[in-house]
Amino acid sequence: MFRPGFEHRICDLLNVSFDANMKSPLVKQGSNLVLERFENPAAIENYFTHIGFGHWLEAEL
């Protein structure tokens, strides 16, 4: 995603024209911690840990 040409590739995928004045290809929204996005984070954490995917709940970029 952070490789050169990403903006052009995403515009092609979305079938829109590339504009060099685009503000940013990415805008971070919400918490950097996945569990903070849920009303009942303990249940989510227990489930993902149980199925062996607890690492998916680590901090994002």
PDB file of N, CA and C in Angstrom:
ATOM      1  N   MET A   1       0.822  -1.181   0.000  1.00  0.00           N
ATOM      2  CA  MET A   1       0.000   0.000   0.000  1.00  0.00           C
ATOM      3  C   MET A   1       0.874   1.256   0.000  1.00  0.00           C
ATOM      4  N   PHE A   2       2.019   1.228   0.624  1.00  0.00           N
ATOM      5  CA  PHE A   2       2.855   2.412   0.700  1.00  0.00           C
ATOM      6  C   PHE A   2       3.918   2.441  -0.396  1.00  0.00           C
ATOM      7  N   ARG A   3       3.781   1.553  -1.362  1.00  0.00           N
ATOM      8  CA  ARG A   3       4.722   1.534  -2.471  1.00  0.00           C
ATOM      9  C   ARG A   3       4.401   2.666  -3.445  1.00  0.00           C
ATOM     10  N   PRO A   4       5.386   3.117  -4.183  1.00  0.00           N
ATOM     11  CA  PRO A   4       5.135   4.158  -5.179  1.00  0.00           C
ATOM     12  C   PRO A   4       4.047   3.735  -6.168  1.00  0.00           C
ATOM     13  N   GLY A   5       3.205   4.680  -6.539  1.00  0.00           N
ATOM     14  CA  GLY A   5       2.151   4.406  -7.505  1.00  0.00           C
ATOM     15  C   GLY A   5       0.840   3.951  -6.897  1.00  0.00           C
ATOM     16  N   PHE A   6       0.793   3.877  -5.560  1.00  0.00           N
ATOM     17  CA  PHE A   6      -0.437   3.407  -4.908  1.00  0.00           C
ATOM     18  C   PHE A   6      -1.634   4.255  -5.304  1.00  0.00           C
ATOM     19  N   GLU A   7      -1.450   5.577  -5.312  1.00  0.00           N
ATOM     20  CA  GLU A   7      -2.569   6.465  -5.634  1.00  0.00           C
ATOM     21  C   GLU A   7      -3.132   6.162  -7.022  1.00  0.00           C
ATOM     22  N   HIS A   8      -2.248   5.915  -7.973  1.00  0.00           N
ATOM     23  CA  HIS A   8      -2.697   5.599  -9.333  1.00  0.00           C
ATOM     24  C   HIS A   8      -3.449   4.268  -9.374  1.00  0.00           C
ATOM     25  N   ARG A   9      -2.929   3.272  -8.660  1.00  0.00           N
ATOM     26  CA  ARG A   9      -3.574   1.955  -8.661  1.00  0.00           C
ATOM     27  C   ARG A   9      -4.952   2.004  -8.013  1.00  0.00           C
ATOM     28  N   ILE A  10      -5.083   2.718  -6.907  1.00  0.00           N
ATOM     29  CA  ILE A  10      -6.387   2.772  -6.238  1.00  0.00           C
ATOM     30  C   ILE A  10      -7.385   3.551  -7.087  1.00  0.00           C
ATOM     31  N   CYS A  11      -6.921   4.597  -7.750  1.00  0.00           N
ATOM     32  CA  CYS A  11      -7.816   5.349  -8.640  1.00  0.00           C
ATOM     33  C   CYS A  11      -8.273   4.473  -9.804  1.00  0.00           C
ATOM     34  N   ASP A  12      -7.358   3.680 -10.355  1.00  0.00           N
ATOM     35  CA  ASP A  12      -7.734   2.753 -11.431  1.00  0.00           C
ATOM     36  C   ASP A  12      -8.763   1.747 -10.940  1.00  0.00           C
ATOM     37  N   LEU A  13      -8.553   1.207  -9.749  1.00  0.00           N
ATOM     38  CA  LEU A  13      -9.485   0.240  -9.178  1.00  0.00           C
ATOM     39  C   LEU A  13     -10.871   0.850  -9.007  1.00  0.00           C
ATOM     40  N   LEU A  14     -10.916   2.100  -8.565  1.00  0.00           N
ATOM     41  CA  LEU A  14     -12.194   2.777  -8.324  1.00  0.00           C
ATOM     42  C   LEU A  14     -12.761   3.433  -9.582  1.00  0.00           C
ATOM     43  N   ASN A  15     -12.002   3.327 -10.671  1.00  0.00           N
ATOM     44  CA  ASN A  15     -12.413   3.887 -11.954  1.00  0.00           C
ATOM     45  C   ASN A  15     -12.644   5.399 -11.865  1.00  0.00           C
ATOM     46  N   VAL A  16     -11.698   6.075 -11.207  1.00  0.00           N
ATOM     47  CA  VAL A  16     -11.726   7.538 -11.119  1.00  0.00           C
ATOM     48  C   VAL A  16     -10.391   8.069 -11.628  1.00  0.00           C
ATOM     49  N   SER A  17     -10.408   9.292 -12.076  1.00  0.00           N
ATOM     50  CA  SER A  17      -9.190   9.910 -12.586  1.00  0.00           C
ATOM     51  C   SER A  17      -8.269  10.301 -11.440  1.00  0.00           C
ATOM     52  N   PHE A  18      -6.984  10.084 -11.642  1.00  0.00           N
ATOM     53  CA  PHE A  18      -5.998  10.498 -10.653  1.00  0.00           C
ATOM     54  C   PHE A  18      -5.896  12.017 -10.664  1.00  0.00           C
ATOM     55  N   ASP A  19      -5.787  12.611  -9.491  1.00  0.00           N
ATOM     56  CA  ASP A  19      -5.617  14.046  -9.342  1.00  0.00           C
ATOM     57  C   ASP A  19      -4.393  14.271  -8.462  1.00  0.00           C
ATOM     58  N   ALA A  20      -3.367  14.915  -8.998  1.00  0.00           N
ATOM     59  CA  ALA A  20      -2.130  15.144  -8.248  1.00  0.00           C
ATOM     60  C   ALA A  20      -2.357  15.998  -7.004  1.00  0.00           C
ATOM     61  N   ASN A  21      -3.487  16.687  -6.928  1.00  0.00           N
ATOM     62  CA  ASN A  21      -3.794  17.527  -5.773  1.00  0.00           C
ATOM     63  C   ASN A  21      -4.539  16.776  -4.672  1.00  0.00           C
ATOM     64  N   MET A  22      -4.649  15.471  -4.806  1.00  0.00           N
ATOM     65  CA  MET A  22      -5.311  14.700  -3.758  1.00  0.00           C
ATOM     66  C   MET A  22      -4.629  14.985  -2.426  1.00  0.00           C
ATOM     67  N   LYS A  23      -5.429  15.104  -1.407  1.00  0.00           N
ATOM     68  CA  LYS A  23      -4.906  15.454  -0.084  1.00  0.00           C
ATOM     69  C   LYS A  23      -4.033  14.336   0.484  1.00  0.00           C
ATOM     70  N   SER A  24      -4.521  13.113   0.449  1.00  0.00           N
ATOM     71  CA  SER A  24      -3.791  11.987   1.014  1.00  0.00           C
ATOM     72  C   SER A  24      -4.434  10.690   0.541  1.00  0.00           C
ATOM     73  N   PRO A  25      -3.629   9.648   0.286  1.00  0.00           N
ATOM     74  CA  PRO A  25      -4.214   8.373  -0.101  1.00  0.00           C
ATOM     75  C   PRO A  25      -4.888   7.661   1.080  1.00  0.00           C
ATOM     76  N   LEU A  26      -4.472   7.990   2.306  1.00  0.00           N
ATOM     77  CA  LEU A  26      -5.021   7.342   3.492  1.00  0.00           C
ATOM     78  C   LEU A  26      -5.344   8.370   4.564  1.00  0.00           C
ATOM     79  N   VAL A  27      -6.426   8.143   5.268  1.00  0.00           N
ATOM     80  CA  VAL A  27      -6.780   8.993   6.402  1.00  0.00           C
ATOM     81  C   VAL A  27      -7.128   8.062   7.553  1.00  0.00           C
ATOM     82  N   LYS A  28      -6.366   8.131   8.632  1.00  0.00           N
ATOM     83  CA  LYS A  28      -6.607   7.276   9.783  1.00  0.00           C
ATOM     84  C   LYS A  28      -7.867   7.741  10.505  1.00  0.00           C
ATOM     85  N   GLN A  29      -8.763   6.806  10.788  1.00  0.00           N
ATOM     86  CA  GLN A  29      -9.990   7.114  11.508  1.00  0.00           C
ATOM     87  C   GLN A  29     -10.115   6.176  12.698  1.00  0.00           C
ATOM     88  N   GLY A  30     -10.593   6.681  13.783  1.00  0.00           N
ATOM     89  CA  GLY A  30     -10.846   5.842  14.951  1.00  0.00           C
ATOM     90  C   GLY A  30      -9.583   5.450  15.689  1.00  0.00           C
ATOM     91  N   SER A  31      -9.785   4.586  16.648  1.00  0.00           N
ATOM     92  CA  SER A  31      -8.705   4.128  17.515  1.00  0.00           C
ATOM     93  C   SER A  31      -7.720   3.245  16.776  1.00  0.00           C
ATOM     94  N   ASN A  32      -6.477   3.292  17.214  1.00  0.00           N
ATOM     95  CA  ASN A  32      -5.441   2.437  16.661  1.00  0.00           C
ATOM     96  C   ASN A  32      -5.523   1.020  17.238  1.00  0.00           C
ATOM     97  N   LEU A  33      -6.312   0.846  18.289  1.00  0.00           N
ATOM     98  CA  LEU A  33      -6.486  -0.469  18.907  1.00  0.00           C
ATOM     99  C   LEU A  33      -7.850  -1.039  18.515  1.00  0.00           C
ATOM    100  N   VAL A  34      -7.834  -2.189  17.897  1.00  0.00           N
ATOM    101  CA  VAL A  34      -9.060  -2.818  17.390  1.00  0.00           C
ATOM    102  C   VAL A  34     -10.091  -3.004  18.498  1.00  0.00           C
ATOM    103  N   LEU A  35      -9.662  -3.476  19.661  1.00  0.00           N
ATOM    104  CA  LEU A  35     -10.606  -3.770  20.739  1.00  0.00           C
ATOM    105  C   LEU A  35     -11.352  -2.537  21.239  1.00  0.00           C
ATOM    106  N   GLU A  36     -10.766  -1.365  21.096  1.00  0.00           N
ATOM    107  CA  GLU A  36     -11.435  -0.138  21.538  1.00  0.00           C
ATOM    108  C   GLU A  36     -12.627   0.230  20.660  1.00  0.00           C
ATOM    109  N   ARG A  37     -12.800  -0.459  19.551  1.00  0.00           N
ATOM    110  CA  ARG A  37     -13.895  -0.162  18.634  1.00  0.00           C
ATOM    111  C   ARG A  37     -15.157  -0.966  18.938  1.00  0.00           C
ATOM    112  N   PHE A  38     -15.094  -1.837  19.946  1.00  0.00           N
ATOM    113  CA  PHE A  38     -16.216  -2.709  20.262  1.00  0.00           C
ATOM    114  C   PHE A  38     -16.831  -2.365  21.613  1.00  0.00           C
ATOM    115  N   GLU A  39     -18.131  -2.563  21.707  1.00  0.00           N
ATOM    116  CA  GLU A  39     -18.843  -2.313  22.954  1.00  0.00           C
ATOM    117  C   GLU A  39     -18.454  -3.316  24.032  1.00  0.00           C
ATOM    118  N   ASN A  40     -18.223  -4.577  23.623  1.00  0.00           N
ATOM    119  CA  ASN A  40     -17.848  -5.628  24.556  1.00  0.00           C
ATOM    120  C   ASN A  40     -16.506  -6.221  24.109  1.00  0.00           C
ATOM    121  N   PRO A  41     -15.405  -5.505  24.355  1.00  0.00           N
ATOM    122  CA  PRO A  41     -14.112  -5.959  23.852  1.00  0.00           C
ATOM    123  C   PRO A  41     -13.637  -7.280  24.455  1.00  0.00           C
ATOM    124  N   ALA A  42     -14.048  -7.591  25.676  1.00  0.00           N
ATOM    125  CA  ALA A  42     -13.598  -8.843  26.302  1.00  0.00           C
ATOM    126  C   ALA A  42     -14.087 -10.051  25.514  1.00  0.00           C
ATOM    127  N   ALA A  43     -15.314 -10.018  25.052  1.00  0.00           N
ATOM    128  CA  ALA A  43     -15.855 -11.140  24.271  1.00  0.00           C
ATOM    129  C   ALA A  43     -15.100 -11.299  22.959  1.00  0.00           C
ATOM    130  N   ILE A  44     -14.776 -10.199  22.319  1.00  0.00           N
ATOM    131  CA  ILE A  44     -14.025 -10.237  21.059  1.00  0.00           C
ATOM    132  C   ILE A  44     -12.631 -10.801  21.308  1.00  0.00           C
ATOM    133  N   GLU A  45     -11.990 -10.295  22.348  1.00  0.00           N
ATOM    134  CA  GLU A  45     -10.634 -10.762  22.670  1.00  0.00           C
ATOM    135  C   GLU A  45     -10.633 -12.253  22.999  1.00  0.00           C
ATOM    136  N   ASN A  46     -11.586 -12.716  23.790  1.00  0.00           N
ATOM    137  CA  ASN A  46     -11.669 -14.140  24.132  1.00  0.00           C
ATOM    138  C   ASN A  46     -11.858 -14.999  22.893  1.00  0.00           C
ATOM    139  N   TYR A  47     -12.749 -14.582  22.004  1.00  0.00           N
ATOM    140  CA  TYR A  47     -13.028 -15.363  20.794  1.00  0.00           C
ATOM    141  C   TYR A  47     -11.786 -15.452  19.905  1.00  0.00           C
ATOM    142  N   PHE A  48     -11.181 -14.309  19.598  1.00  0.00           N
ATOM    143  CA  PHE A  48     -10.023 -14.318  18.699  1.00  0.00           C
ATOM    144  C   PHE A  48      -8.838 -15.060  19.311  1.00  0.00           C
ATOM    145  N   THR A  49      -8.666 -14.950  20.618  1.00  0.00           N
ATOM    146  CA  THR A  49      -7.602 -15.703  21.277  1.00  0.00           C
ATOM    147  C   THR A  49      -7.892 -17.200  21.199  1.00  0.00           C
ATOM    148  N   HIS A  50      -9.138 -17.571  21.409  1.00  0.00           N
ATOM    149  CA  HIS A  50      -9.544 -18.983  21.364  1.00  0.00           C
ATOM    150  C   HIS A  50      -9.296 -19.604  19.988  1.00  0.00           C
ATOM    151  N   ILE A  51      -9.560 -18.870  18.926  1.00  0.00           N
ATOM    152  CA  ILE A  51      -9.378 -19.436  17.578  1.00  0.00           C
ATOM    153  C   ILE A  51      -7.954 -19.248  17.056  1.00  0.00           C
ATOM    154  N   GLY A  52      -7.074 -18.671  17.893  1.00  0.00           N
ATOM    155  CA  GLY A  52      -5.670 -18.535  17.497  1.00  0.00           C
ATOM    156  C   GLY A  52      -5.355 -17.298  16.671  1.00  0.00           C
ATOM    157  N   PHE A  53      -6.237 -16.306  16.706  1.00  0.00           N
ATOM    158  CA  PHE A  53      -6.017 -15.091  15.936  1.00  0.00           C
ATOM    159  C   PHE A  53      -5.918 -13.848  16.832  1.00  0.00           C
ATOM    160  N   GLY A  54      -5.447 -14.035  18.052  1.00  0.00           N
ATOM    161  CA  GLY A  54      -5.290 -12.913  18.969  1.00  0.00           C
ATOM    162  C   GLY A  54      -4.364 -11.838  18.426  1.00  0.00           C
ATOM    163  N   HIS A  55      -3.419 -12.244  17.578  1.00  0.00           N
ATOM    164  CA  HIS A  55      -2.491 -11.271  16.991  1.00  0.00           C
ATOM    165  C   HIS A  55      -3.199 -10.270  16.075  1.00  0.00           C
ATOM    166  N   TRP A  56      -4.384 -10.599  15.613  1.00  0.00           N
ATOM    167  CA  TRP A  56      -5.157  -9.667  14.776  1.00  0.00           C
ATOM    168  C   TRP A  56      -5.614  -8.460  15.582  1.00  0.00           C
ATOM    169  N   LEU A  57      -5.594  -8.562  16.891  1.00  0.00           N
ATOM    170  CA  LEU A  57      -6.090  -7.496  17.748  1.00  0.00           C
ATOM    171  C   LEU A  57      -5.015  -6.529  18.209  1.00  0.00           C
ATOM    172  N   GLU A  58      -3.796  -6.721  17.714  1.00  0.00           N
ATOM    173  CA  GLU A  58      -2.701  -5.827  18.078  1.00  0.00           C
ATOM    174  C   GLU A  58      -2.914  -4.454  17.446  1.00  0.00           C
ATOM    175  N   ALA A  59      -2.176  -3.468  17.901  1.00  0.00           N
ATOM    176  CA  ALA A  59      -2.288  -2.100  17.383  1.00  0.00           C
ATOM    177  C   ALA A  59      -2.014  -2.078  15.873  1.00  0.00           C
ATOM    178  N   GLU A  60      -2.801  -1.287  15.179  1.00  0.00           N
ATOM    179  CA  GLU A  60      -2.616  -1.103  13.745  1.00  0.00           C
ATOM    180  C   GLU A  60      -1.581  -0.023  13.507  1.00  0.00           C
ATOM    181  N   LEU A  61      -1.310   0.248  12.248  1.00  0.00           N
ATOM    182  CA  LEU A  61      -0.358   1.308  11.891  1.00  0.00           C
ATOM    183  C   LEU A  61      -0.760   2.623  12.480  1.00  0.00           C
TER     184      LEU A  61
END
